[in-house]
C-alpha atoms as a PDB file:
ATOM      1  CA  UNK A   1       0.028   0.092   0.152  1.00  0.00           C
ATOM      2  CA  UNK A   2       2.892   2.428   0.941  1.00  0.00           C
ATOM      3  CA  UNK A   3       4.562   1.602  -2.494  1.00  0.00           C
ATOM      4  CA  UNK A   4       1.402   2.476  -4.486  1.00  0.00           C
ATOM      5  CA  UNK A   5       0.922   5.900  -2.706  1.00  0.00           C
ATOM      6  CA  UNK A   6       4.555   6.596  -3.546  1.00  0.00           C
ATOM      7  CA  UNK A   7       4.163   5.809  -7.132  1.00  0.00           C
ATOM      8  CA  UNK A   8       1.020   7.913  -7.464  1.00  0.00           C
ATOM      9  CA  UNK A   9       2.800  10.725  -5.781  1.00  0.00           C
ATOM     10  CA  UNK A  10       5.804  10.673  -8.433  1.00  0.00           C
ATOM     11  CA  UNK A  11       3.112  10.336 -11.383  1.00  0.00           C
ATOM     12  CA  UNK A  12       1.451  13.511 -10.026  1.00  0.00           C
ATOM     13  CA  UNK A  13       4.544  15.379  -9.599  1.00  0.00           C
ATOM     14  CA  UNK A  14       5.558  14.586 -13.218  1.00  0.00           C
ATOM     15  CA  UNK A  15       2.126  15.397 -14.470  1.00  0.00           C
ATOM     16  CA  UNK A  16       2.227  18.735 -12.813  1.00  0.00           C
ATOM     17  CA  UNK A  17       5.682  19.728 -14.117  1.00  0.00           C
ATOM     18  CA  UNK A  18       4.721  18.627 -17.666  1.00  0.00           C
ATOM     19  CA  UNK A  19       1.613  20.526 -17.548  1.00  0.00           C
ATOM     20  CA  UNK A  20       3.443  23.848 -16.310  1.00  0.00           C
ATOM     21  CA  UNK A  21       6.189  23.302 -19.040  1.00  0.00           C
ATOM     22  CA  UNK A  22       3.617  22.982 -21.850  1.00  0.00           C
ATOM     23  CA  UNK A  23       1.695  26.113 -20.575  1.00  0.00           C
ATOM     24  CA  UNK A  24       4.847  28.122 -20.368  1.00  0.00           C
ATOM     25  CA  UNK A  25       5.790  27.444 -23.987  1.00  0.00           C
ATOM     26  CA  UNK A  26       2.267  27.973 -25.374  1.00  0.00           C
ATOM     27  CA  UNK A  27       2.167  31.401 -23.729  1.00  0.00           C
ATOM     28  CA  UNK A  28       5.566  32.717 -24.019  1.00  0.00           C
ATOM     29  CA  UNK A  29       5.880  32.350 -27.727  1.00  0.00           C
ATOM     30  CA  UNK A  30       6.011  35.685 -29.576  1.00  0.00           C
ATOM     31  CA  UNK A  31       7.709  36.720 -32.668  1.00  0.00           C
ATOM     32  CA  UNK A  32       7.662  37.265 -36.653  1.00  0.00           C
ATOM     33  CA  UNK A  33       6.977  34.963 -39.667  1.00  0.00           C
ATOM     34  CA  UNK A  34       6.466  35.388 -43.031  1.00  0.00           C
ATOM     35  CA  UNK A  35       7.607  34.823 -46.654  1.00  0.00           C
ATOM     36  CA  UNK A  36       9.714  36.581 -49.137  1.00  0.00           C
ATOM     37  CA  UNK A  37       8.376  37.627 -52.604  1.00  0.00           C
ATOM     38  CA  UNK A  38      10.250  39.167 -55.283  1.00  0.00           C
ATOM     39  CA  UNK A  39       9.896  40.516 -58.948  1.00  0.00           C
ATOM     40  CA  UNK A  40      11.561  38.639 -61.680  1.00  0.00           C
ATOM     41  CA  UNK A  41      14.484  40.933 -61.745  1.00  0.00           C
ATOM     42  CA  UNK A  42      15.276  40.268 -57.790  1.00  0.00           C
ATOM     43  CA  UNK A  43      15.109  36.511 -58.037  1.00  0.00           C
ATOM     44  CA  UNK A  44      18.102  35.611 -55.933  1.00  0.00           C
ATOM     45  CA  UNK A  45      18.360  34.285 -52.285  1.00  0.00           C
ATOM     46  CA  UNK A  46      17.832  37.069 -49.831  1.00  0.00           C
ATOM     47  CA  UNK A  47      19.724  37.952 -46.510  1.00  0.00           C
ATOM     48  CA  UNK A  48      17.273  38.958 -43.726  1.00  0.00           C
ATOM     49  CA  UNK A  49      18.284  40.833 -40.696  1.00  0.00           C
ATOM     50  CA  UNK A  50      16.618  41.599 -37.432  1.00  0.00           C
ATOM     51  CA  UNK A  51      17.914  44.391 -35.376  1.00  0.00           C
ATOM     52  CA  UNK A  52      16.404  46.421 -32.378  1.00  0.00           C
ATOM     53  CA  UNK A  53      14.692  49.667 -33.350  1.00  0.00           C
ATOM     54  CA  UNK A  54      15.503  52.098 -30.491  1.00  0.00           C
ATOM     55  CA  UNK A  55      16.375  55.654 -30.908  1.00  0.00           C
ATOM     56  CA  UNK A  56      19.060  55.851 -28.382  1.00  0.00           C
ATOM     57  CA  UNK A  57      21.261  53.367 -30.273  1.00  0.00           C
ATOM     58  CA  UNK A  58      23.625  55.149 -32.899  1.00  0.00           C
ATOM     59  CA  UNK A  59      23.965  51.951 -34.666  1.00  0.00           C
ATOM     60  CA  UNK A  60      21.347  49.210 -35.085  1.00  0.00           C
ATOM     61  CA  UNK A  61      21.827  46.462 -32.764  1.00  0.00           C
ATOM     62  CA  UNK A  62      21.733  43.273 -34.999  1.00  0.00           C
ATOM     63  CA  UNK A  63      19.872  40.129 -33.147  1.00  0.00           C
ATOM     64  CA  UNK A  64      19.643  37.781 -35.808  1.00  0.00           C
ATOM     65  CA  UNK A  65      20.022  36.937 -39.466  1.00  0.00           C
ATOM     66  CA  UNK A  66      18.972  34.313 -42.060  1.00  0.00           C
ATOM     67  CA  UNK A  67      19.253  33.628 -45.726  1.00  0.00           C
ATOM     68  CA  UNK A  68      15.881  33.025 -47.218  1.00  0.00           C
ATOM     69  CA  UNK A  69      15.162  31.904 -50.823  1.00  0.00           C
ATOM     70  CA  UNK A  70      12.583  33.892 -52.649  1.00  0.00           C
ATOM     71  CA  UNK A  71       9.287  32.213 -52.181  1.00  0.00           C
ATOM     72  CA  UNK A  72      10.711  30.729 -48.869  1.00  0.00           C
ATOM     73  CA  UNK A  73       9.440  31.461 -45.355  1.00  0.00           C
ATOM     74  CA  UNK A  74      11.001  32.877 -42.232  1.00  0.00           C
ATOM     75  CA  UNK A  75      10.195  32.675 -38.468  1.00  0.00           C
ATOM     76  CA  UNK A  76      11.931  34.424 -35.624  1.00  0.00           C
ATOM     77  CA  UNK A  77      11.187  34.129 -31.977  1.00  0.00           C
ATOM     78  CA  UNK A  78      11.468  37.544 -30.296  1.00  0.00           C
ATOM     79  CA  UNK A  79      10.486  39.273 -27.151  1.00  0.00           C
ATOM     80  CA  UNK A  80       7.570  41.878 -27.398  1.00  0.00           C
ATOM     81  CA  UNK A  81       9.162  45.202 -28.541  1.00  0.00           C
ATOM     82  CA  UNK A  82      10.041  47.284 -31.814  1.00  0.00           C
ATOM     83  CA  UNK A  83      12.362  45.744 -34.274  1.00  0.00           C
ATOM     84  CA  UNK A  84      13.523  46.931 -37.811  1.00  0.00           C
ATOM     85  CA  UNK A  85      13.562  44.333 -40.343  1.00  0.00           C
ATOM     86  CA  UNK A  86      15.948  44.528 -43.381  1.00  0.00           C
ATOM     87  CA  UNK A  87      16.414  42.321 -46.399  1.00  0.00           C
ATOM     88  CA  UNK A  88      18.671  42.523 -49.396  1.00  0.00           C
ATOM     89  CA  UNK A  89      20.184  40.447 -52.308  1.00  0.00           C
ATOM     90  CA  UNK A  90      23.028  40.395 -54.489  1.00  0.00           C
ATOM     91  CA  UNK A  91      21.015  42.006 -57.360  1.00  0.00           C
ATOM     92  CA  UNK A  92      20.451  45.360 -55.533  1.00  0.00           C
ATOM     93  CA  UNK A  93      16.955  44.633 -54.434  1.00  0.00           C
ATOM     94  CA  UNK A  94      16.060  45.694 -50.750  1.00  0.00           C
ATOM     95  CA  UNK A  95      13.289  45.770 -48.206  1.00  0.00           C
ATOM     96  CA  UNK A  96      13.108  47.803 -44.951  1.00  0.00           C
ATOM     97  CA  UNK A  97      10.369  47.940 -42.347  1.00  0.00           C
ATOM     98  CA  UNK A  98       9.787  48.766 -38.522  1.00  0.00           C
ATOM     99  CA  UNK A  99       7.670  46.402 -36.858  1.00  0.00           C
ATOM    100  CA  UNK A 100       6.059  45.980 -33.369  1.00  0.00           C
ATOM    101  CA  UNK A 101       5.885  42.651 -31.822  1.00  0.00           C
ATOM    102  CA  UNK A 102       3.441  41.973 -29.046  1.00  0.00           C
ATOM    103  CA  UNK A 103       2.518  38.623 -27.489  1.00  0.00           C
ATOM    104  CA  UNK A 104       1.715  36.013 -30.095  1.00  0.00           C
ATOM    105  CA  UNK A 105       3.379  35.669 -33.527  1.00  0.00           C
ATOM    106  CA  UNK A 106       2.876  38.426 -35.943  1.00  0.00           C
ATOM    107  CA  UNK A 107       3.082  37.484 -39.756  1.00  0.00           C
ATOM    108  CA  UNK A 108       3.877  39.741 -42.829  1.00  0.00           C
ATOM    109  CA  UNK A 109       5.352  39.159 -46.290  1.00  0.00           C
ATOM    110  CA  UNK A 110       8.410  40.860 -47.707  1.00  0.00           C
ATOM    111  CA  UNK A 111       8.241  42.189 -51.108  1.00  0.00           C
ATOM    112  CA  UNK A 112      11.514  42.810 -52.480  1.00  0.00           C
ATOM    113  CA  UNK A 113      11.954  45.935 -54.582  1.00  0.00           C
ATOM    114  CA  UNK A 114      14.842  47.052 -57.101  1.00  0.00           C
ATOM    115  CA  UNK A 115      16.640  50.144 -55.703  1.00  0.00           C
END
């Protein structure tokens, strides 16, 4: 009888820990996701940068970057706040946008433009 109570107690602790971990991940996910679209004259892979958008910084603080093929998708997990998204390719096409991330995942599409 004592052995059975001990096993039930361990099982309940494991169940509680799993519930806490799963609920933390579900509520803490925030960030940006989207896809990269490009006109025919900008059909090369795109380098995508995410930086903090704060007025007090003299230079942008780069947080992460990734190479994304045209028509490909991206996803960055970020804390809520203001960010700057920049993209460019080898053919001189560019994209820049300031975005605000709230809780949850925001989505938008990047449309490259020839400069």
